[in-house]
Amino acid sequence: MRKALSVILSAAMIMSLAACGGGGGATTAAPAAPAAPAAAETTAAAPAAGGGTEAKKVDEANMSSVQKIIKEAEGMTLEELAKKAIEESNGKMFYGVGNSSRGKSALPLFIEYLKTIDPSYNMEFEWQQPKNNKIFDQLNADNKKEVGTFAMTLIQDGNQIQTKMVDPGILDTFIPKDWAEANGTTPDAYTGFLPLQTLNKVFMYNCTGSKAYTNCWDYVADGAHGLFMDVDSEIVGKNFLYMLTRDDYAAWMKEAFDALPDDQKAYFQPTINECKSVAEEFGLSEDAAYSLAWIKLWVGSYNAQTDDGPICNTLVDASATDQFGLLVYSKLRSVEESATVSVNNIKVAAYEDGYTGIGGYGYCHYLFVTDNSPLPWTACAFIAYMTCTKDGFSAWGKDMGGYSANPKVAEENEAEYHHSIGGMEEDGTTVKFAAKNDRGYDWWTNEGKLVLEDPQYCADAAFGIGSWIEVLDKYVPQ
């Protein structure tokens, strides 16, 4: 997408573009499409979702004191960082903040690790998890202090991170030496944010009836109302829509459309035709008209939910025949089997033979040091511990659909939890549910056509495409 996208849209144009609409018609199962060329091979855990931005690079002559420490820390091993952390924070209080509550589980393990180096080490800690997207306000307010309260953060939503946190200099990226080497690079060469993990949200459907979802365009067919965590409740859902317009993902959407039978194409074609001018105005590829049409139909049809947990609970119930949703894959781990509730009542659409098109989307939990961190060495050591050791990642490791961004840690984690064969229960027995047999990061980002968040692309798209999405009609259940 061209950089000019963020400045070409006026309010009047938004209103005129919102006129793009669609037609009606029934949908039937689509035949299998010819195999598409695989996307470029990626390391098992070095997610493209973390790339696309060069915001990490700073002018060395104008570095803050924390950035200078980070620069030095990026040349150290985890053990060397641990010794620095012990010297800095022994007997002190450590405050962290994040979108994931599991940072609270990782900190005690980190302290135990430091005690293996110095048994006398002790550190108190507090981990906060702001709700309703307040983490950005909290970090912004803390940045006003000369020395902040929060040492580091674990945070999601690449768009807001880029525009609200990194561009203004509130958060600094630290790339651990060990993490970079595991990914075949160096801290200086790597230019993205540091991802702890990539999480995926995937299309699933209740299979207690006869209906199958065999093409991603089935989700926006006439009468389809997928369960989806509303983009106003979780902003990464809007990033998913932005990413669909990028050239490579737009090509996937057109490819899936081309695989449809003629009667289904006829239903969608008017919307696509009307959205061609939208794509042109945004400076997007011709294929993006297909993505914009899908976005418009999706926004106008999905049944908005406030959380992924209730979506999962609905879909795995036998009474939810033929319903579908887009939700965090890991929610399946918490399903309690009963006479009417079972993981076997759902299918992961992308796992089914003949499925065509996108299987879901992926986004990252990123790790940053605050630019006014009171304990920057300890923050760097903690970040290195979480990203470079299996124990450090263990707070997240039990979940399928959550992939460590360190290929070595990802391999060790799979060896322990066996997500590819349904995971292991605490008593050591293997759970056998096809939907829980996670095929892994490489499969999802290639065969599974997972749409990955790129922070810089999302930041560029937020004004233009984001404003266009805001004025689209949303579905209101009757």
Protein backbone atom coordinates (compact mmCIF):
# COMPACT_ATOMS: atom_id res chain seq x y z
CA MET A 1 0.00 0.00 0.00
CA ARG A 2 1.25 3.41 -0.83
CA LYS A 3 2.26 5.75 1.93
CA ALA A 4 -0.08 8.38 0.53
CA LEU A 5 -3.04 6.29 1.68
CA SER A 6 -3.04 7.97 5.07
CA VAL A 7 -3.65 11.42 3.63
CA ILE A 8 -5.79 10.98 0.53
CA LEU A 9 -9.18 10.53 2.12
CA SER A 10 -11.42 13.48 2.92
CA ALA A 11 -14.65 13.22 4.89
CA ALA A 12 -16.72 13.80 1.78
CA MET A 13 -14.99 11.01 -0.05
CA ILE A 14 -15.56 8.63 2.87
CA MET A 15 -19.29 9.16 2.63
CA SER A 16 -19.33 8.62 -1.10
CA LEU A 17 -17.23 5.47 -0.85
CA ALA A 18 -19.53 4.05 1.81
CA ALA A 19 -22.16 3.68 -0.89
CA CYS A 20 -20.39 0.52 -2.06
CA GLY A 21 -22.96 -2.26 -1.53
CA GLY A 22 -23.87 -5.84 -2.35
CA GLY A 23 -26.61 -8.02 -3.70
CA GLY A 24 -28.50 -11.06 -2.47
CA GLY A 25 -28.54 -14.73 -3.20
CA ALA A 26 -28.08 -18.20 -1.73
CA THR A 27 -24.79 -19.95 -1.18
CA THR A 28 -23.82 -23.55 -1.76
CA ALA A 29 -20.70 -25.54 -1.02
CA ALA A 30 -17.79 -24.48 -3.20
CA PRO A 31 -15.63 -27.06 -4.96
CA ALA A 32 -12.03 -27.50 -4.04
CA ALA A 33 -9.74 -24.95 -5.65
CA PRO A 34 -6.47 -25.90 -7.32
CA ALA A 35 -3.57 -25.79 -4.89
CA ALA A 36 -2.13 -22.30 -4.64
CA PRO A 37 1.60 -21.69 -4.59
CA ALA A 38 2.85 -21.72 -1.02
CA ALA A 39 3.80 -18.43 0.54
CA ALA A 40 7.47 -17.79 1.13
CA GLU A 41 8.90 -20.17 3.72
CA THR A 42 9.38 -18.64 7.14
CA THR A 43 11.22 -19.80 10.22
CA ALA A 44 9.02 -21.90 12.47
CA ALA A 45 8.56 -19.03 14.83
CA ALA A 46 9.94 -15.80 13.38
CA PRO A 47 6.56 -14.30 12.53
CA ALA A 48 6.07 -11.89 9.69
CA ALA A 49 3.57 -10.27 12.04
CA GLY A 50 6.47 -8.71 13.87
CA GLY A 51 8.08 -7.11 10.85
CA GLY A 52 7.39 -4.25 8.53
CA THR A 53 8.56 -1.40 10.73
CA GLU A 54 11.94 0.21 11.12
CA ALA A 55 10.93 2.20 14.17
CA LYS A 56 13.48 0.36 16.32
CA LYS A 57 16.35 2.25 14.69
CA VAL A 58 17.30 5.32 16.69
CA ASP A 59 19.85 8.07 16.29
CA GLU A 60 22.72 6.94 18.51
CA ALA A 61 23.72 10.53 19.17
CA ASN A 62 20.31 11.26 20.67
CA MET A 63 19.63 8.06 22.59
CA SER A 64 17.85 8.20 25.92
CA SER A 65 19.56 6.63 28.90
CA VAL A 66 17.31 3.56 28.58
CA GLN A 67 18.06 3.23 24.87
CA LYS A 68 21.78 3.29 25.65
CA ILE A 69 21.31 0.45 28.11
CA ILE A 70 19.29 -1.48 25.53
CA LYS A 71 22.04 -1.01 22.96
CA GLU A 72 24.55 -2.50 25.40
CA ALA A 73 22.15 -5.24 26.50
CA GLU A 74 21.64 -6.40 22.91
CA GLY A 75 25.24 -7.61 22.90
CA MET A 76 24.80 -9.80 25.99
CA THR A 77 23.68 -13.36 26.60
CA LEU A 78 20.80 -14.14 28.94
CA GLU A 79 23.20 -15.11 31.72
CA GLU A 80 25.09 -11.84 31.37
CA LEU A 81 21.82 -9.92 31.48
CA ALA A 82 20.73 -11.89 34.53
CA LYS A 83 23.82 -10.75 36.45
CA LYS A 84 23.06 -7.14 35.53
CA ALA A 85 19.46 -7.61 36.69
CA ILE A 86 20.55 -9.04 40.03
CA GLU A 87 22.84 -6.08 40.60
CA GLU A 88 20.09 -3.60 39.66
CA SER A 89 16.92 -4.96 41.26
CA ASN A 90 17.86 -7.10 44.28
CA GLY A 91 15.48 -6.13 47.09
CA LYS A 92 13.46 -3.78 44.87
CA MET A 93 9.91 -3.66 43.45
CA PHE A 94 9.23 -4.47 39.79
CA TYR A 95 6.07 -3.23 38.04
CA GLY A 96 4.96 -4.68 34.70
CA VAL A 97 1.84 -4.04 32.64
CA GLY A 98 0.33 -6.08 29.84
CA ASN A 99 -2.63 -7.26 27.81
CA SER A 100 -1.96 -10.79 29.04
CA SER A 101 -2.34 -11.63 32.71
CA ARG A 102 0.23 -14.38 32.33
CA GLY A 103 3.08 -11.97 32.84
CA LYS A 104 2.16 -12.42 36.50
CA SER A 105 2.86 -16.15 36.11
CA ALA A 106 6.16 -15.62 34.30
CA LEU A 107 7.70 -13.22 36.85
CA PRO A 108 8.05 -15.74 39.73
CA LEU A 109 9.76 -18.16 37.34
CA PHE A 110 12.14 -15.38 36.31
CA ILE A 111 12.97 -14.66 39.94
CA GLU A 112 13.67 -18.35 40.55
CA TYR A 113 15.98 -18.34 37.55
CA LEU A 114 17.91 -15.37 38.97
CA LYS A 115 18.19 -17.22 42.29
CA THR A 116 20.02 -20.05 40.52
CA ILE A 117 22.77 -17.48 39.88
CA ASP A 118 22.53 -15.68 43.24
CA PRO A 119 20.54 -17.56 45.93
CA SER A 120 20.27 -14.37 47.99
CA TYR A 121 18.41 -12.53 45.25
CA ASN A 122 14.89 -11.32 46.01
CA MET A 123 12.51 -9.01 44.16
CA GLU A 124 8.88 -8.09 44.82
CA PHE A 125 6.63 -7.54 41.82
CA GLU A 126 3.21 -6.40 40.65
CA TRP A 127 1.66 -7.09 37.24
CA GLN A 128 -1.24 -4.99 35.99
CA GLN A 129 -3.66 -5.84 33.18
CA PRO A 130 -5.75 -2.80 32.20
CA LYS A 131 -9.10 -3.51 30.55
CA ASN A 132 -10.90 -1.85 27.63
CA ASN A 133 -7.78 -0.79 25.75
CA LYS A 134 -6.67 1.43 28.66
CA ILE A 135 -3.11 0.15 28.55
CA PHE A 136 -2.16 2.85 26.05
CA ASP A 137 -3.53 5.61 28.27
CA GLN A 138 -1.77 4.12 31.28
CA LEU A 139 1.60 3.92 29.53
CA ASN A 140 1.20 7.40 28.10
CA ALA A 141 0.47 8.84 31.56
CA ASP A 142 3.42 6.98 33.10
CA ASN A 143 5.70 8.37 30.41
CA LYS A 144 5.11 11.89 31.72
CA LYS A 145 7.26 11.05 34.74
CA GLU A 146 11.02 11.47 34.65
CA VAL A 147 11.34 7.92 35.99
CA GLY A 148 8.32 5.75 35.30
CA THR A 149 6.56 3.17 37.41
CA PHE A 150 6.46 0.42 34.80
CA ALA A 151 9.69 -1.30 33.85
CA MET A 152 8.32 -3.02 30.73
CA THR A 153 5.17 -4.08 28.95
CA LEU A 154 3.66 -6.99 27.03
CA ILE A 155 1.22 -5.42 24.60
CA GLN A 156 -0.85 -6.15 21.48
CA ASP A 157 -2.30 -4.18 18.54
CA GLY A 158 0.54 -3.28 16.20
CA ASN A 159 -1.27 -0.25 14.82
CA GLN A 160 -1.69 1.55 18.13
CA ILE A 161 1.74 0.42 19.32
CA GLN A 162 3.31 2.00 16.25
CA THR A 163 1.39 5.28 16.33
CA LYS A 164 0.82 5.83 20.06
CA MET A 165 3.80 4.16 21.71
CA VAL A 166 6.82 3.74 19.41
CA ASP A 167 6.59 6.78 17.16
CA PRO A 168 6.31 9.14 20.20
CA GLY A 169 9.21 7.38 21.94
CA ILE A 170 7.22 5.94 24.87
CA LEU A 171 8.31 2.34 24.28
CA ASP A 172 11.69 1.01 23.16
CA THR A 173 12.36 -2.29 21.41
CA PHE A 174 14.99 -4.59 22.89
CA ILE A 175 16.10 -7.55 20.78
CA PRO A 176 17.84 -10.24 22.87
CA LYS A 177 21.08 -11.53 21.36
CA ASP A 178 20.07 -15.16 21.95
CA TRP A 179 16.66 -14.61 20.32
CA ALA A 180 18.20 -12.97 17.27
CA GLU A 181 20.72 -15.78 16.83
CA ALA A 182 17.97 -18.40 17.09
CA ASN A 183 16.22 -16.61 14.23
CA GLY A 184 19.36 -16.40 12.12
CA THR A 185 19.88 -12.66 12.51
CA THR A 186 21.43 -10.07 14.83
CA PRO A 187 19.85 -7.38 17.00
CA ASP A 188 21.23 -4.68 14.70
CA ALA A 189 19.87 -6.32 11.56
CA TYR A 190 16.39 -7.02 12.91
CA THR A 191 14.06 -4.04 12.40
CA GLY A 192 10.66 -5.14 13.71
CA PHE A 193 9.10 -5.15 17.15
CA LEU A 194 10.00 -8.09 19.41
CA PRO A 195 7.17 -10.66 19.40
CA LEU A 196 6.79 -13.00 22.35
CA GLN A 197 4.36 -15.08 20.35
CA THR A 198 1.95 -15.07 17.45
CA LEU A 199 -1.63 -16.01 18.32
CA ASN A 200 -4.17 -17.09 15.75
CA LYS A 201 -7.89 -16.57 15.45
CA VAL A 202 -9.39 -19.16 13.13
CA PHE A 203 -12.69 -19.85 11.44
CA MET A 204 -14.57 -22.70 13.13
CA TYR A 205 -18.07 -24.04 12.53
CA ASN A 206 -20.51 -26.30 14.33
CA CYS A 207 -20.65 -29.61 12.42
CA THR A 208 -23.67 -31.26 14.04
CA GLY A 209 -25.66 -30.51 10.88
CA SER A 210 -24.91 -31.05 7.21
CA LYS A 211 -23.59 -27.60 6.29
CA ALA A 212 -19.90 -27.15 5.54
CA TYR A 213 -17.93 -23.95 5.05
CA THR A 214 -15.55 -24.67 2.19
CA ASN A 215 -14.56 -21.19 1.03
CA CYS A 216 -13.86 -18.00 2.97
CA TRP A 217 -16.54 -16.25 0.91
CA ASP A 218 -19.12 -18.53 2.56
CA TYR A 219 -18.73 -16.40 5.70
CA VAL A 220 -20.21 -13.37 3.93
CA ALA A 221 -22.87 -15.16 1.89
CA ASP A 222 -26.53 -14.19 2.10
CA GLY A 223 -27.87 -15.01 5.58
CA ALA A 224 -24.44 -15.76 7.09
CA HIS A 225 -23.88 -14.21 10.53
CA GLY A 226 -20.59 -15.35 12.01
CA LEU A 227 -19.83 -14.86 15.69
CA PHE A 228 -16.93 -12.42 16.00
CA MET A 229 -15.46 -10.30 18.77
CA ASP A 230 -16.49 -6.82 17.72
CA VAL A 231 -13.74 -4.59 16.33
CA ASP A 232 -14.75 -1.96 18.87
CA SER A 233 -14.10 -4.46 21.68
CA GLU A 234 -10.77 -5.76 20.37
CA ILE A 235 -9.01 -3.48 17.92
CA VAL A 236 -6.79 -6.22 16.49
CA GLY A 237 -9.91 -7.40 14.68
CA LYS A 238 -9.85 -4.18 12.69
CA ASN A 239 -6.15 -4.76 11.92
CA PHE A 240 -7.21 -8.06 10.36
CA LEU A 241 -9.50 -6.17 8.00
CA TYR A 242 -6.77 -3.67 7.14
CA MET A 243 -4.36 -6.46 6.29
CA LEU A 244 -6.77 -8.07 3.84
CA THR A 245 -6.15 -5.13 1.50
CA ARG A 246 -2.39 -5.69 1.26
CA ASP A 247 -1.41 -6.99 -2.18
CA ASP A 248 -0.53 -10.56 -1.15
CA TYR A 249 -3.63 -11.09 0.96
CA ALA A 250 -5.87 -9.41 -1.60
CA ALA A 251 -4.56 -11.93 -4.13
CA TRP A 252 -5.69 -14.72 -1.78
CA MET A 253 -9.17 -13.22 -1.64
CA LYS A 254 -9.45 -13.05 -5.42
CA GLU A 255 -8.12 -16.59 -5.73
CA ALA A 256 -10.81 -17.83 -3.35
CA PHE A 257 -13.47 -15.92 -5.28
CA ASP A 258 -12.31 -17.44 -8.56
CA ALA A 259 -12.84 -20.91 -7.07
CA LEU A 260 -16.54 -20.26 -6.43
CA PRO A 261 -19.32 -21.64 -8.68
CA ASP A 262 -20.86 -19.11 -11.06
CA ASP A 263 -24.06 -18.65 -9.03
CA GLN A 264 -22.08 -17.65 -5.95
CA LYS A 265 -19.87 -15.33 -7.98
CA ALA A 266 -23.00 -13.62 -9.26
CA TYR A 267 -24.10 -12.83 -5.71
CA PHE A 268 -20.81 -11.15 -4.78
CA GLN A 269 -19.92 -9.52 -8.12
CA PRO A 270 -22.03 -6.32 -7.72
CA THR A 271 -20.29 -5.52 -4.43
CA ILE A 272 -16.90 -6.18 -5.96
CA ASN A 273 -17.68 -3.97 -8.95
CA GLU A 274 -18.79 -1.10 -6.71
CA CYS A 275 -15.67 -1.42 -4.57
CA LYS A 276 -13.27 -1.17 -7.51
CA SER A 277 -13.39 2.61 -7.29
CA VAL A 278 -12.67 2.40 -3.55
CA ALA A 279 -9.53 0.37 -4.21
CA GLU A 280 -8.44 2.86 -6.86
CA GLU A 281 -8.97 5.85 -4.57
CA PHE A 282 -6.90 4.19 -1.85
CA GLY A 283 -4.08 3.39 -4.28
CA LEU A 284 -4.56 -0.34 -3.77
CA SER A 285 -4.14 -3.19 -6.23
CA GLU A 286 -7.01 -4.31 -8.45
CA ASP A 287 -7.35 -7.44 -6.33
CA ALA A 288 -8.09 -5.27 -3.29
CA ALA A 289 -11.60 -4.70 -4.62
CA TYR A 290 -12.30 -8.31 -3.61
CA SER A 291 -10.95 -7.69 -0.13
CA LEU A 292 -12.94 -4.48 0.28
CA ALA A 293 -16.11 -6.23 -0.87
CA TRP A 294 -15.50 -9.05 1.62
CA ILE A 295 -14.84 -6.50 4.39
CA LYS A 296 -18.04 -4.62 3.64
CA LEU A 297 -20.11 -7.80 3.63
CA TRP A 298 -18.40 -9.10 6.79
CA VAL A 299 -18.95 -5.88 8.74
CA GLY A 300 -22.56 -5.87 7.58
CA SER A 301 -23.20 -9.46 8.64
CA TYR A 302 -21.14 -10.60 11.63
CA ASN A 303 -22.89 -11.08 14.97
CA ALA A 304 -20.81 -8.91 17.32
CA GLN A 305 -19.67 -10.50 20.59
CA THR A 306 -17.73 -9.01 23.51
CA ASP A 307 -15.32 -11.92 24.04
CA ASP A 308 -14.05 -15.11 22.39
CA GLY A 309 -14.95 -17.31 25.37
CA PRO A 310 -18.73 -17.10 24.85
CA ILE A 311 -18.23 -17.65 21.11
CA CYS A 312 -16.41 -20.90 21.82
CA ASN A 313 -19.02 -21.98 24.36
CA THR A 314 -21.76 -21.43 21.80
CA LEU A 315 -20.12 -23.24 18.91
CA VAL A 316 -19.16 -26.43 20.79
CA ASP A 317 -22.74 -26.95 21.99
CA ALA A 318 -24.77 -29.46 19.99
CA SER A 319 -27.60 -26.94 19.72
CA ALA A 320 -25.51 -24.51 17.63
CA THR A 321 -26.01 -26.45 14.40
CA ASP A 322 -24.42 -24.76 11.36
CA GLN A 323 -23.26 -21.66 13.27
CA PHE A 324 -19.70 -20.45 12.74
CA GLY A 325 -17.29 -17.95 14.19
CA LEU A 326 -13.82 -16.42 14.06
CA LEU A 327 -12.14 -16.84 17.43
CA VAL A 328 -8.89 -17.52 19.28
CA TYR A 329 -7.87 -21.10 18.60
CA SER A 330 -6.65 -21.67 22.15
CA LYS A 331 -10.18 -21.34 23.55
CA LEU A 332 -10.73 -25.00 22.64
CA ARG A 333 -8.37 -26.01 25.45
CA SER A 334 -10.87 -24.86 28.08
CA VAL A 335 -13.88 -26.79 26.73
CA GLU A 336 -15.34 -29.18 29.31
CA GLU A 337 -16.77 -32.23 27.60
CA SER A 338 -20.35 -33.29 28.40
CA ALA A 339 -23.32 -35.02 26.79
CA THR A 340 -24.15 -31.92 24.75
CA VAL A 341 -20.85 -30.02 24.68
CA SER A 342 -17.78 -31.31 22.86
CA VAL A 343 -14.86 -30.15 20.76
CA ASN A 344 -16.01 -32.84 18.36
CA ASN A 345 -19.07 -30.67 17.64
CA ILE A 346 -16.91 -28.21 15.72
CA LYS A 347 -14.47 -28.25 12.84
CA VAL A 348 -11.61 -25.90 12.07
CA ALA A 349 -12.53 -24.86 8.55
CA ALA A 350 -8.98 -24.64 7.16
CA TYR A 351 -8.25 -28.23 8.23
CA GLU A 352 -10.97 -29.65 5.98
CA ASP A 353 -10.07 -31.10 2.58
CA GLY A 354 -10.98 -28.75 -0.26
CA TYR A 355 -11.20 -25.62 1.86
CA THR A 356 -10.23 -22.49 -0.11
CA GLY A 357 -9.12 -19.06 1.11
CA ILE A 358 -8.02 -17.49 4.37
CA GLY A 359 -8.18 -19.67 7.46
CA GLY A 360 -8.00 -16.85 10.01
CA TYR A 361 -5.61 -14.16 11.15
CA GLY A 362 -2.61 -13.87 13.41
CA TYR A 363 -1.39 -11.11 15.69
CA CYS A 364 1.42 -10.79 18.19
CA HIS A 365 2.03 -10.10 21.82
CA TYR A 366 5.01 -7.74 21.70
CA LEU A 367 7.53 -6.97 24.43
CA PHE A 368 8.95 -3.51 25.09
CA VAL A 369 11.02 -1.64 27.65
CA THR A 370 9.50 1.68 28.72
CA ASP A 371 11.71 4.61 27.75
CA ASN A 372 11.74 5.84 31.36
CA SER A 373 12.04 2.38 32.90
CA PRO A 374 13.12 2.38 36.56
CA LEU A 375 14.76 -1.06 36.10
CA PRO A 376 15.89 -1.30 32.46
CA TRP A 377 18.47 -4.06 32.96
CA THR A 378 15.95 -6.20 34.80
CA ALA A 379 13.34 -5.50 32.11
CA CYS A 380 15.77 -6.63 29.40
CA ALA A 381 16.69 -9.76 31.34
CA PHE A 382 13.02 -10.62 31.93
CA ILE A 383 12.23 -10.12 28.24
CA ALA A 384 15.17 -12.31 27.25
CA TYR A 385 14.06 -14.99 29.73
CA MET A 386 10.52 -15.11 28.30
CA THR A 387 11.65 -15.21 24.68
CA CYS A 388 14.73 -17.43 24.96
CA THR A 389 13.78 -20.22 27.39
CA LYS A 390 11.00 -22.79 27.49
CA ASP A 391 10.40 -22.10 31.17
CA GLY A 392 10.12 -18.39 30.48
CA PHE A 393 7.51 -19.07 27.79
CA SER A 394 5.71 -21.72 29.85
CA ALA A 395 2.99 -19.33 31.03
CA TRP A 396 1.76 -19.31 27.41
CA GLY A 397 3.09 -22.67 26.29
CA LYS A 398 0.05 -24.84 27.05
CA ASP A 399 -2.11 -23.16 24.42
CA MET A 400 -2.46 -24.43 20.87
CA GLY A 401 -2.48 -21.56 18.42
CA GLY A 402 0.14 -19.58 20.34
CA TYR A 403 3.57 -19.83 18.74
CA SER A 404 6.80 -18.71 20.36
CA ALA A 405 8.74 -16.33 18.13
CA ASN A 406 11.92 -18.25 19.02
CA PRO A 407 12.16 -21.43 16.88
CA LYS A 408 14.22 -23.24 19.51
CA VAL A 409 11.68 -22.47 22.24
CA ALA A 410 8.83 -23.38 19.89
CA GLU A 411 10.40 -26.78 19.26
CA GLU A 412 10.99 -27.43 22.96
CA ASN A 413 7.46 -26.32 23.78
CA GLU A 414 5.92 -28.67 21.23
CA ALA A 415 8.01 -31.54 22.60
CA GLU A 416 6.42 -30.97 26.01
CA TYR A 417 2.81 -30.16 25.14
CA HIS A 418 2.30 -32.10 21.88
CA HIS A 419 -0.17 -29.61 20.40
CA SER A 420 0.10 -31.35 17.03
CA ILE A 421 -1.67 -34.39 18.49
CA GLY A 422 -4.25 -32.59 20.57
CA GLY A 423 -2.18 -31.65 23.59
CA MET A 424 -1.48 -33.50 26.80
CA GLU A 425 -3.64 -33.51 29.92
CA GLU A 426 -1.98 -33.16 33.32
CA ASP A 427 -2.25 -36.91 33.90
CA GLY A 428 -0.18 -37.52 30.79
CA THR A 429 -2.98 -38.87 28.59
CA THR A 430 -3.31 -37.63 25.04
CA VAL A 431 -6.50 -35.82 24.07
CA LYS A 432 -7.81 -36.98 20.72
CA PHE A 433 -9.90 -34.28 19.09
CA ALA A 434 -9.18 -33.48 15.47
CA ALA A 435 -9.94 -29.79 15.93
CA LYS A 436 -7.29 -29.53 18.67
CA ASN A 437 -4.51 -31.07 16.59
CA ASP A 438 -2.64 -27.84 15.93
CA ARG A 439 -0.75 -27.95 12.64
CA GLY A 440 1.69 -25.25 13.72
CA TYR A 441 2.91 -21.84 12.66
CA ASP A 442 4.47 -22.87 9.36
CA TRP A 443 1.33 -24.69 8.25
CA TRP A 444 -0.98 -21.86 9.24
CA THR A 445 1.02 -19.16 7.51
CA ASN A 446 1.36 -21.20 4.31
CA GLU A 447 -1.33 -23.83 3.66
CA GLY A 448 -3.70 -22.37 6.24
CA LYS A 449 -3.42 -18.87 4.73
CA LEU A 450 -3.27 -17.05 8.04
CA VAL A 451 -3.42 -13.28 7.57
CA LEU A 452 -0.61 -11.76 9.68
CA GLU A 453 -0.68 -8.33 11.27
CA ASP A 454 1.99 -5.91 10.03
CA PRO A 455 2.13 -2.92 12.42
CA GLN A 456 3.38 -0.40 9.86
CA TYR A 457 0.83 -1.40 7.22
CA CYS A 458 -1.97 -1.16 9.77
CA ALA A 459 -0.75 2.25 10.91
CA ASP A 460 -0.74 3.48 7.32
CA ALA A 461 -4.21 2.03 6.68
CA ALA A 462 -5.88 3.26 9.86
CA PHE A 463 -6.86 6.71 8.61
CA GLY A 464 -8.09 5.86 5.12
CA ILE A 465 -9.39 2.30 5.22
CA GLY A 466 -10.16 2.63 8.93
CA SER A 467 -12.36 5.67 8.29
CA TRP A 468 -14.11 3.83 5.47
CA ILE A 469 -14.82 0.84 7.72
CA GLU A 470 -16.22 3.15 10.40
CA VAL A 471 -19.05 4.32 8.15
CA LEU A 472 -20.07 0.86 6.93
CA ASP A 473 -23.44 -0.43 8.07
CA LYS A 474 -23.13 -3.05 10.84
CA TYR A 475 -25.39 -6.02 11.39
CA VAL A 476 -28.00 -5.64 14.13
CA PRO A 477 -29.63 -8.96 15.20
CA GLN A 478 -33.40 -8.88 15.02
